[in-house]
Amino acid sequence: MLTKTRIVRIGNSKGIRIPKTLLDEAELPEEVELHAERGRLIVQAAHHARSGWAEAAKKMHTGGDDALLDEPTPTKFDREGWEWR
């Protein structure tokens, strides 16, 4: 869908009004990221650090791929500081 709009003053800033039909079509969440390139602004869904990690960890556990790569190295605390009950 191609739509034209104007850049308007909003307080001390400027902005654009985005028609609801475009927002619905883009299926953007409430939080977005803006990226500027010469002659264009790119609006995309915000990327959250570690998003999808929980699902990936569950998948690794199901597949048995969540074991330690190295043997644990015992420390003085492990040997002397406490004991399992």
N, C-alpha and C. Protein backbone atom coordinates (compact mmCIF):
# COMPACT_ATOMS: atom_id res chain seq x y z
N MET A 1 0.84 -1.17 0.00
CA MET A 1 0.00 0.00 0.00
C MET A 1 0.89 1.24 0.00
N LEU A 2 0.72 2.09 -0.95
CA LEU A 2 1.48 3.34 -1.04
C LEU A 2 0.60 4.48 -0.56
N THR A 3 1.10 5.24 0.40
CA THR A 3 0.37 6.37 0.96
C THR A 3 1.33 7.54 1.09
N LYS A 4 0.84 8.74 0.82
CA LYS A 4 1.64 9.94 1.01
C LYS A 4 1.14 10.65 2.26
N THR A 5 2.08 11.27 2.97
CA THR A 5 1.74 12.06 4.15
C THR A 5 2.74 13.21 4.23
N ARG A 6 2.50 14.13 5.14
CA ARG A 6 3.38 15.29 5.29
C ARG A 6 4.12 15.20 6.62
N ILE A 7 5.31 15.77 6.66
CA ILE A 7 6.04 15.93 7.91
C ILE A 7 5.46 17.16 8.59
N VAL A 8 5.01 17.01 9.84
CA VAL A 8 4.33 18.09 10.55
C VAL A 8 5.07 18.42 11.84
N ARG A 9 4.87 19.64 12.32
CA ARG A 9 5.46 20.06 13.58
C ARG A 9 4.64 19.47 14.73
N ILE A 10 5.36 18.85 15.70
CA ILE A 10 4.74 18.32 16.91
C ILE A 10 5.58 18.87 18.07
N GLY A 11 5.13 19.97 18.66
CA GLY A 11 5.91 20.63 19.71
C GLY A 11 7.21 21.16 19.12
N ASN A 12 8.33 20.82 19.74
CA ASN A 12 9.63 21.23 19.24
C ASN A 12 10.20 20.22 18.24
N SER A 13 9.46 19.19 17.95
CA SER A 13 9.92 18.14 17.05
C SER A 13 9.10 18.15 15.77
N LYS A 14 9.36 17.21 14.92
CA LYS A 14 8.55 16.98 13.74
C LYS A 14 8.19 15.51 13.69
N GLY A 15 7.11 15.21 13.02
CA GLY A 15 6.66 13.83 12.96
C GLY A 15 5.80 13.57 11.75
N ILE A 16 5.39 12.34 11.61
CA ILE A 16 4.46 11.96 10.55
C ILE A 16 3.29 11.22 11.17
N ARG A 17 2.17 11.32 10.53
CA ARG A 17 1.00 10.55 10.94
C ARG A 17 0.94 9.32 10.05
N ILE A 18 0.85 8.17 10.69
CA ILE A 18 0.82 6.91 9.93
C ILE A 18 -0.60 6.39 9.96
N PRO A 19 -1.20 6.18 8.79
CA PRO A 19 -2.57 5.68 8.75
C PRO A 19 -2.68 4.30 9.41
N LYS A 20 -3.78 4.08 10.10
CA LYS A 20 -4.02 2.82 10.81
C LYS A 20 -3.91 1.62 9.88
N THR A 21 -4.39 1.76 8.65
CA THR A 21 -4.34 0.62 7.71
C THR A 21 -2.89 0.19 7.45
N LEU A 22 -1.97 1.16 7.36
CA LEU A 22 -0.55 0.81 7.17
C LEU A 22 0.01 0.12 8.40
N LEU A 23 -0.32 0.64 9.59
CA LEU A 23 0.16 0.00 10.82
C LEU A 23 -0.39 -1.41 10.96
N ASP A 24 -1.65 -1.60 10.62
CA ASP A 24 -2.25 -2.93 10.69
C ASP A 24 -1.56 -3.88 9.72
N GLU A 25 -1.27 -3.39 8.52
CA GLU A 25 -0.62 -4.22 7.50
C GLU A 25 0.80 -4.60 7.92
N ALA A 26 1.51 -3.66 8.56
CA ALA A 26 2.89 -3.90 8.98
C ALA A 26 2.98 -4.79 10.22
N GLU A 27 1.89 -4.87 10.99
CA GLU A 27 1.85 -5.66 12.22
C GLU A 27 3.01 -5.31 13.15
N LEU A 28 3.24 -4.01 13.33
CA LEU A 28 4.30 -3.54 14.22
C LEU A 28 3.84 -3.60 15.68
N PRO A 29 4.75 -3.93 16.59
CA PRO A 29 4.40 -3.88 18.02
C PRO A 29 4.42 -2.43 18.50
N GLU A 30 4.17 -2.23 19.78
CA GLU A 30 4.16 -0.88 20.35
C GLU A 30 5.54 -0.22 20.31
N GLU A 31 6.60 -1.02 20.46
CA GLU A 31 7.96 -0.47 20.48
C GLU A 31 8.64 -0.76 19.15
N VAL A 32 9.16 0.30 18.53
CA VAL A 32 9.82 0.16 17.22
C VAL A 32 11.20 0.82 17.26
N GLU A 33 12.01 0.48 16.27
CA GLU A 33 13.32 1.09 16.09
C GLU A 33 13.28 1.91 14.81
N LEU A 34 13.96 3.05 14.83
CA LEU A 34 14.05 3.90 13.64
C LEU A 34 15.49 3.87 13.15
N HIS A 35 15.64 3.80 11.84
CA HIS A 35 16.96 3.80 11.22
C HIS A 35 16.91 4.74 10.03
N ALA A 36 17.87 5.64 9.96
CA ALA A 36 17.88 6.63 8.88
C ALA A 36 18.89 6.24 7.81
N GLU A 37 18.47 6.31 6.57
CA GLU A 37 19.33 6.18 5.41
C GLU A 37 19.05 7.40 4.54
N ARG A 38 19.95 7.73 3.67
CA ARG A 38 19.76 8.90 2.83
C ARG A 38 18.43 8.79 2.07
N GLY A 39 17.54 9.73 2.33
CA GLY A 39 16.27 9.78 1.63
C GLY A 39 15.18 8.87 2.17
N ARG A 40 15.45 8.21 3.29
CA ARG A 40 14.41 7.32 3.84
C ARG A 40 14.58 7.11 5.33
N LEU A 41 13.48 6.81 5.99
CA LEU A 41 13.46 6.37 7.38
C LEU A 41 12.91 4.95 7.38
N ILE A 42 13.53 4.09 8.12
CA ILE A 42 13.08 2.71 8.21
C ILE A 42 12.54 2.49 9.62
N VAL A 43 11.31 2.02 9.70
CA VAL A 43 10.66 1.71 10.97
C VAL A 43 10.51 0.21 11.04
N GLN A 44 11.04 -0.40 12.11
CA GLN A 44 10.92 -1.85 12.24
C GLN A 44 10.68 -2.22 13.69
N ALA A 45 10.17 -3.42 13.90
CA ALA A 45 9.91 -3.89 15.26
C ALA A 45 11.20 -3.86 16.05
N ALA A 46 11.10 -3.42 17.31
CA ALA A 46 12.28 -3.35 18.17
C ALA A 46 12.79 -4.74 18.46
N HIS A 47 14.10 -4.90 18.38
CA HIS A 47 14.75 -6.17 18.69
C HIS A 47 15.11 -6.16 20.16
N HIS A 48 14.72 -7.17 20.88
CA HIS A 48 15.02 -7.26 22.30
C HIS A 48 16.13 -8.28 22.51
N ALA A 49 17.13 -7.87 23.28
CA ALA A 49 18.24 -8.77 23.59
C ALA A 49 17.70 -10.04 24.24
N ARG A 50 18.23 -11.13 23.83
CA ARG A 50 17.88 -12.46 24.37
C ARG A 50 16.48 -12.93 24.01
N SER A 51 15.81 -12.25 23.08
CA SER A 51 14.49 -12.73 22.70
C SER A 51 14.64 -14.08 22.01
N GLY A 52 13.82 -15.02 22.38
CA GLY A 52 13.87 -16.36 21.80
C GLY A 52 14.80 -17.31 22.52
N TRP A 53 15.56 -16.81 23.51
CA TRP A 53 16.51 -17.68 24.21
C TRP A 53 15.81 -18.77 25.01
N ALA A 54 14.69 -18.45 25.65
CA ALA A 54 13.99 -19.45 26.47
C ALA A 54 13.53 -20.62 25.60
N GLU A 55 12.97 -20.30 24.43
CA GLU A 55 12.51 -21.37 23.54
C GLU A 55 13.69 -22.19 23.02
N ALA A 56 14.80 -21.52 22.72
CA ALA A 56 15.99 -22.23 22.24
C ALA A 56 16.55 -23.14 23.32
N ALA A 57 16.55 -22.69 24.58
CA ALA A 57 17.05 -23.51 25.68
C ALA A 57 16.17 -24.74 25.88
N LYS A 58 14.86 -24.58 25.77
CA LYS A 58 13.95 -25.73 25.89
C LYS A 58 14.21 -26.73 24.78
N LYS A 59 14.43 -26.23 23.57
CA LYS A 59 14.70 -27.10 22.44
C LYS A 59 16.02 -27.85 22.64
N MET A 60 17.04 -27.15 23.14
CA MET A 60 18.33 -27.79 23.42
C MET A 60 18.17 -28.88 24.48
N HIS A 61 17.40 -28.59 25.53
CA HIS A 61 17.19 -29.57 26.59
C HIS A 61 16.47 -30.81 26.05
N THR A 62 15.46 -30.59 25.24
CA THR A 62 14.72 -31.70 24.66
C THR A 62 15.62 -32.58 23.81
N GLY A 63 16.54 -31.95 23.07
CA GLY A 63 17.45 -32.69 22.21
C GLY A 63 18.69 -33.20 22.92
N GLY A 64 18.81 -32.93 24.24
CA GLY A 64 19.98 -33.39 24.98
C GLY A 64 21.24 -32.60 24.67
N ASP A 65 21.08 -31.39 24.15
CA ASP A 65 22.24 -30.58 23.77
C ASP A 65 22.58 -29.52 24.81
N ASP A 66 22.19 -29.71 26.06
CA ASP A 66 22.42 -28.69 27.07
C ASP A 66 23.43 -29.12 28.13
N ALA A 67 24.29 -30.08 27.80
CA ALA A 67 25.30 -30.54 28.75
C ALA A 67 26.49 -29.57 28.75
N LEU A 68 27.25 -29.58 29.85
CA LEU A 68 28.45 -28.76 29.92
C LEU A 68 29.48 -29.25 28.91
N LEU A 69 30.21 -28.33 28.32
CA LEU A 69 31.24 -28.70 27.35
C LEU A 69 32.52 -29.16 28.05
N ASP A 70 32.83 -28.58 29.20
CA ASP A 70 34.03 -28.93 29.95
C ASP A 70 33.63 -29.50 31.30
N GLU A 71 34.53 -30.29 31.87
CA GLU A 71 34.30 -30.81 33.22
C GLU A 71 34.40 -29.65 34.20
N PRO A 72 33.56 -29.63 35.23
CA PRO A 72 33.66 -28.56 36.23
C PRO A 72 35.00 -28.62 36.94
N THR A 73 35.56 -27.48 37.25
CA THR A 73 36.83 -27.39 37.97
C THR A 73 36.52 -27.06 39.42
N PRO A 74 36.77 -28.02 40.34
CA PRO A 74 36.47 -27.75 41.75
C PRO A 74 37.41 -26.67 42.31
N THR A 75 36.87 -25.88 43.21
CA THR A 75 37.64 -24.84 43.88
C THR A 75 37.83 -25.22 45.34
N LYS A 76 38.62 -24.44 46.07
CA LYS A 76 38.82 -24.68 47.49
C LYS A 76 37.48 -24.62 48.22
N PHE A 77 36.64 -23.70 47.83
CA PHE A 77 35.31 -23.60 48.45
C PHE A 77 34.53 -24.89 48.23
N ASP A 78 34.62 -25.46 47.03
CA ASP A 78 33.90 -26.71 46.77
C ASP A 78 34.42 -27.83 47.65
N ARG A 79 35.72 -27.86 47.89
CA ARG A 79 36.30 -28.96 48.67
C ARG A 79 36.11 -28.77 50.18
N GLU A 80 36.12 -27.52 50.67
CA GLU A 80 36.15 -27.29 52.11
C GLU A 80 35.00 -26.46 52.65
N GLY A 81 34.40 -25.62 51.83
CA GLY A 81 33.50 -24.61 52.34
C GLY A 81 32.09 -25.10 52.68
N TRP A 82 31.65 -26.20 52.12
CA TRP A 82 30.28 -26.63 52.37
C TRP A 82 30.13 -28.09 51.99
N GLU A 83 29.04 -28.66 52.33
CA GLU A 83 28.77 -30.06 51.99
C GLU A 83 27.29 -30.23 51.67
N TRP A 84 26.99 -31.17 50.82
CA TRP A 84 25.60 -31.47 50.46
C TRP A 84 24.91 -32.14 51.62
N ARG A 85 23.66 -31.85 51.80
CA ARG A 85 22.86 -32.51 52.84
C ARG A 85 21.72 -33.23 52.23
